Amino acid sequence: MAIHYVAEAEEIQEGKSKIVQIEGRSIGIYRIGDEYYALHNRCPHEGAPLCKGPVCGTTLPSGVYEYEFGRKGELVRCPWHGWEFDIKTGKSVFDEKVRARSYKVQVDHGKVGIMI
């Protein structure tokens, strides 16, 4: 696996993505707290540019007539059809078998690298 350094750590804002191109792949980089994550910029549903969707949270399992919001800043919502994916794993919120491809991220001396 090769590491491709694509950004300075301070460039990646929490709650936003930075989209980069590596070997013909469009990849979105995210920061949650002090950790960095990368997802393929393609929704597995119909190919939308996933990483252009909003970073969000979702409703959590709760009681009848109760709506508990959580996971703020941990999900990305597809801009075309609203499918939500976990930024850390790429797994869909509604079905863990559906996932966006994720890449390992490594930060060295303030530089963000993606392993491909």
C-alpha atoms as a PDB file:
ATOM      1  CA  MET A   1       0.000   0.000   0.000  1.00  0.00           C
ATOM      2  CA  ALA A   2       1.245   3.446  -0.894  1.00  0.00           C
ATOM      3  CA  ILE A   3       0.611   6.574   1.162  1.00  0.00           C
ATOM      4  CA  HIS A   4      -0.446   9.642  -0.804  1.00  0.00           C
ATOM      5  CA  TYR A   5      -0.033  12.895   1.130  1.00  0.00           C
ATOM      6  CA  VAL A   6      -2.813  15.166  -0.053  1.00  0.00           C
ATOM      7  CA  ALA A   7      -3.398  17.908   2.527  1.00  0.00           C
ATOM      8  CA  GLU A   8      -2.153  19.713   5.594  1.00  0.00           C
ATOM      9  CA  ALA A   9      -4.015  18.640   8.739  1.00  0.00           C
ATOM     10  CA  GLU A  10      -5.237  22.180   9.502  1.00  0.00           C
ATOM     11  CA  GLU A  11      -6.878  22.399   6.044  1.00  0.00           C
ATOM     12  CA  ILE A  12      -9.515  19.834   7.031  1.00  0.00           C
ATOM     13  CA  GLN A  13     -12.305  21.529   8.961  1.00  0.00           C
ATOM     14  CA  GLU A  14     -14.512  19.551  11.281  1.00  0.00           C
ATOM     15  CA  GLY A  15     -17.958  19.161   9.749  1.00  0.00           C
ATOM     16  CA  LYS A  16     -16.676  19.642   6.188  1.00  0.00           C
ATOM     17  CA  SER A  17     -14.901  17.491   3.632  1.00  0.00           C
ATOM     18  CA  LYS A  18     -11.908  18.136   1.442  1.00  0.00           C
ATOM     19  CA  ILE A  19     -12.173  16.291  -1.854  1.00  0.00           C
ATOM     20  CA  VAL A  20      -8.933  15.150  -3.470  1.00  0.00           C
ATOM     21  CA  GLN A  21      -7.998  13.092  -6.523  1.00  0.00           C
ATOM     22  CA  ILE A  22      -5.664  10.102  -6.144  1.00  0.00           C
ATOM     23  CA  GLU A  23      -4.907   7.740  -9.013  1.00  0.00           C
ATOM     24  CA  GLY A  24      -8.157   8.657 -10.761  1.00  0.00           C
ATOM     25  CA  ARG A  25     -10.238   8.277  -7.573  1.00  0.00           C
ATOM     26  CA  SER A  26     -12.224  11.088  -6.014  1.00  0.00           C
ATOM     27  CA  ILE A  27     -11.902  10.831  -2.218  1.00  0.00           C
ATOM     28  CA  GLY A  28     -13.352  12.958   0.576  1.00  0.00           C
ATOM     29  CA  ILE A  29     -11.317  13.527   3.742  1.00  0.00           C
ATOM     30  CA  TYR A  30     -13.082  14.272   7.042  1.00  0.00           C
ATOM     31  CA  ARG A  31     -12.000  15.215  10.557  1.00  0.00           C
ATOM     32  CA  ILE A  32     -13.957  14.093  13.613  1.00  0.00           C
ATOM     33  CA  GLY A  33     -12.260  15.456  16.719  1.00  0.00           C
ATOM     34  CA  ASP A  34      -8.563  14.724  16.273  1.00  0.00           C
ATOM     35  CA  GLU A  35      -9.072  11.766  13.914  1.00  0.00           C
ATOM     36  CA  TYR A  36      -9.153  11.783  10.112  1.00  0.00           C
ATOM     37  CA  TYR A  37     -11.204   9.542   7.802  1.00  0.00           C
ATOM     38  CA  ALA A  38     -11.545   9.126   4.041  1.00  0.00           C
ATOM     39  CA  LEU A  39     -14.454   7.926   1.900  1.00  0.00           C
ATOM     40  CA  HIS A  40     -14.783   7.278  -1.811  1.00  0.00           C
ATOM     41  CA  ASN A  41     -16.702  10.213  -3.267  1.00  0.00           C
ATOM     42  CA  ARG A  42     -19.365   7.987  -4.809  1.00  0.00           C
ATOM     43  CA  CYS A  43     -22.623   6.913  -3.236  1.00  0.00           C
ATOM     44  CA  PRO A  44     -23.154   3.153  -3.706  1.00  0.00           C
ATOM     45  CA  HIS A  45     -26.865   3.760  -4.371  1.00  0.00           C
ATOM     46  CA  GLU A  46     -26.744   5.652  -7.684  1.00  0.00           C
ATOM     47  CA  GLY A  47     -23.263   7.151  -7.930  1.00  0.00           C
ATOM     48  CA  ALA A  48     -23.875  10.632  -6.516  1.00  0.00           C
ATOM     49  CA  PRO A  49     -20.870  12.674  -5.322  1.00  0.00           C
ATOM     50  CA  LEU A  50     -21.321  11.492  -1.721  1.00  0.00           C
ATOM     51  CA  CYS A  51     -18.719  13.767  -0.132  1.00  0.00           C
ATOM     52  CA  LYS A  52     -20.535  16.867  -1.388  1.00  0.00           C
ATOM     53  CA  GLY A  53     -23.429  16.007   0.910  1.00  0.00           C
ATOM     54  CA  PRO A  54     -23.837  17.550   4.365  1.00  0.00           C
ATOM     55  CA  VAL A  55     -22.145  16.183   7.470  1.00  0.00           C
ATOM     56  CA  CYS A  56     -24.932  15.438   9.923  1.00  0.00           C
ATOM     57  CA  GLY A  57     -26.292  13.252  12.695  1.00  0.00           C
ATOM     58  CA  THR A  58     -29.432  11.155  12.812  1.00  0.00           C
ATOM     59  CA  THR A  59     -32.279  10.076  15.040  1.00  0.00           C
ATOM     60  CA  LEU A  60     -31.437   7.282  17.436  1.00  0.00           C
ATOM     61  CA  PRO A  61     -33.634   4.392  18.545  1.00  0.00           C
ATOM     62  CA  SER A  62     -35.980   5.775  21.174  1.00  0.00           C
ATOM     63  CA  GLY A  63     -39.372   5.315  22.756  1.00  0.00           C
ATOM     64  CA  VAL A  64     -42.748   5.885  21.159  1.00  0.00           C
ATOM     65  CA  TYR A  65     -43.301   9.598  20.404  1.00  0.00           C
ATOM     66  CA  GLU A  66     -39.727  10.343  21.443  1.00  0.00           C
ATOM     67  CA  TYR A  67     -37.120  11.584  18.996  1.00  0.00           C
ATOM     68  CA  GLU A  68     -33.551  11.449  20.184  1.00  0.00           C
ATOM     69  CA  PHE A  69     -30.927  13.053  17.932  1.00  0.00           C
ATOM     70  CA  GLY A  70     -27.329  11.845  18.080  1.00  0.00           C
ATOM     71  CA  ARG A  71     -24.097  11.059  16.253  1.00  0.00           C
ATOM     72  CA  LYS A  72     -23.780  14.723  15.270  1.00  0.00           C
ATOM     73  CA  GLY A  73     -20.900  15.216  12.828  1.00  0.00           C
ATOM     74  CA  GLU A  74     -20.352  11.453  12.320  1.00  0.00           C
ATOM     75  CA  LEU A  75     -22.474  10.889   9.211  1.00  0.00           C
ATOM     76  CA  VAL A  76     -22.529  12.150   5.646  1.00  0.00           C
ATOM     77  CA  ARG A  77     -25.843  12.382   3.798  1.00  0.00           C
ATOM     78  CA  CYS A  78     -25.957  11.719   0.062  1.00  0.00           C
ATOM     79  CA  PRO A  79     -26.908  14.944  -1.753  1.00  0.00           C
ATOM     80  CA  TRP A  80     -29.202  13.144  -4.222  1.00  0.00           C
ATOM     81  CA  HIS A  81     -31.383  10.792  -2.170  1.00  0.00           C
ATOM     82  CA  GLY A  82     -30.466  11.381   1.461  1.00  0.00           C
ATOM     83  CA  TRP A  83     -28.861   8.027   2.242  1.00  0.00           C
ATOM     84  CA  GLU A  84     -26.669   8.378   5.342  1.00  0.00           C
ATOM     85  CA  PHE A  85     -23.233   6.804   5.808  1.00  0.00           C
ATOM     86  CA  ASP A  86     -20.951   6.543   8.831  1.00  0.00           C
ATOM     87  CA  ILE A  87     -17.854   8.618   8.067  1.00  0.00           C
ATOM     88  CA  LYS A  88     -15.643   6.367  10.217  1.00  0.00           C
ATOM     89  CA  THR A  89     -16.593   3.073   8.551  1.00  0.00           C
ATOM     90  CA  GLY A  90     -18.467   3.869   5.349  1.00  0.00           C
ATOM     91  CA  LYS A  91     -21.397   1.718   6.501  1.00  0.00           C
ATOM     92  CA  SER A  92     -24.916   2.805   5.664  1.00  0.00           C
ATOM     93  CA  VAL A  93     -27.092   3.772   8.609  1.00  0.00           C
ATOM     94  CA  PHE A  94     -30.035   1.705   7.375  1.00  0.00           C
ATOM     95  CA  ASP A  95     -28.185  -1.455   6.254  1.00  0.00           C
ATOM     96  CA  GLU A  96     -24.625  -2.381   7.266  1.00  0.00           C
ATOM     97  CA  LYS A  97     -24.266  -4.484   4.096  1.00  0.00           C
ATOM     98  CA  VAL A  98     -24.418  -1.281   2.026  1.00  0.00           C
ATOM     99  CA  ARG A  99     -21.292   0.800   2.358  1.00  0.00           C
ATOM    100  CA  ALA A 100     -19.213   3.502   0.773  1.00  0.00           C
ATOM    101  CA  ARG A 101     -15.595   2.507   0.339  1.00  0.00           C
ATOM    102  CA  SER A 102     -13.370   3.849   3.101  1.00  0.00           C
ATOM    103  CA  TYR A 103      -9.616   4.369   3.083  1.00  0.00           C
ATOM    104  CA  LYS A 104      -7.093   4.328   5.905  1.00  0.00           C
ATOM    105  CA  VAL A 105      -5.724   7.759   6.774  1.00  0.00           C
ATOM    106  CA  GLN A 106      -2.345   8.479   8.345  1.00  0.00           C
ATOM    107  CA  VAL A 107      -1.138  11.848   9.646  1.00  0.00           C
ATOM    108  CA  ASP A 108       2.617  12.432   9.685  1.00  0.00           C
ATOM    109  CA  HIS A 109       4.146  15.739  10.789  1.00  0.00           C
ATOM    110  CA  GLY A 110       0.915  17.614  10.055  1.00  0.00           C
ATOM    111  CA  LYS A 111       0.412  16.065   6.605  1.00  0.00           C
ATOM    112  CA  VAL A 112      -2.658  13.938   5.885  1.00  0.00           C
ATOM    113  CA  GLY A 113      -1.963  10.810   3.849  1.00  0.00           C
ATOM    114  CA  ILE A 114      -4.382   8.303   2.364  1.00  0.00           C
ATOM    115  CA  MET A 115      -3.354   4.679   1.935  1.00  0.00           C
ATOM    116  CA  ILE A 116      -4.234   3.080  -1.374  1.00  0.00           C
END
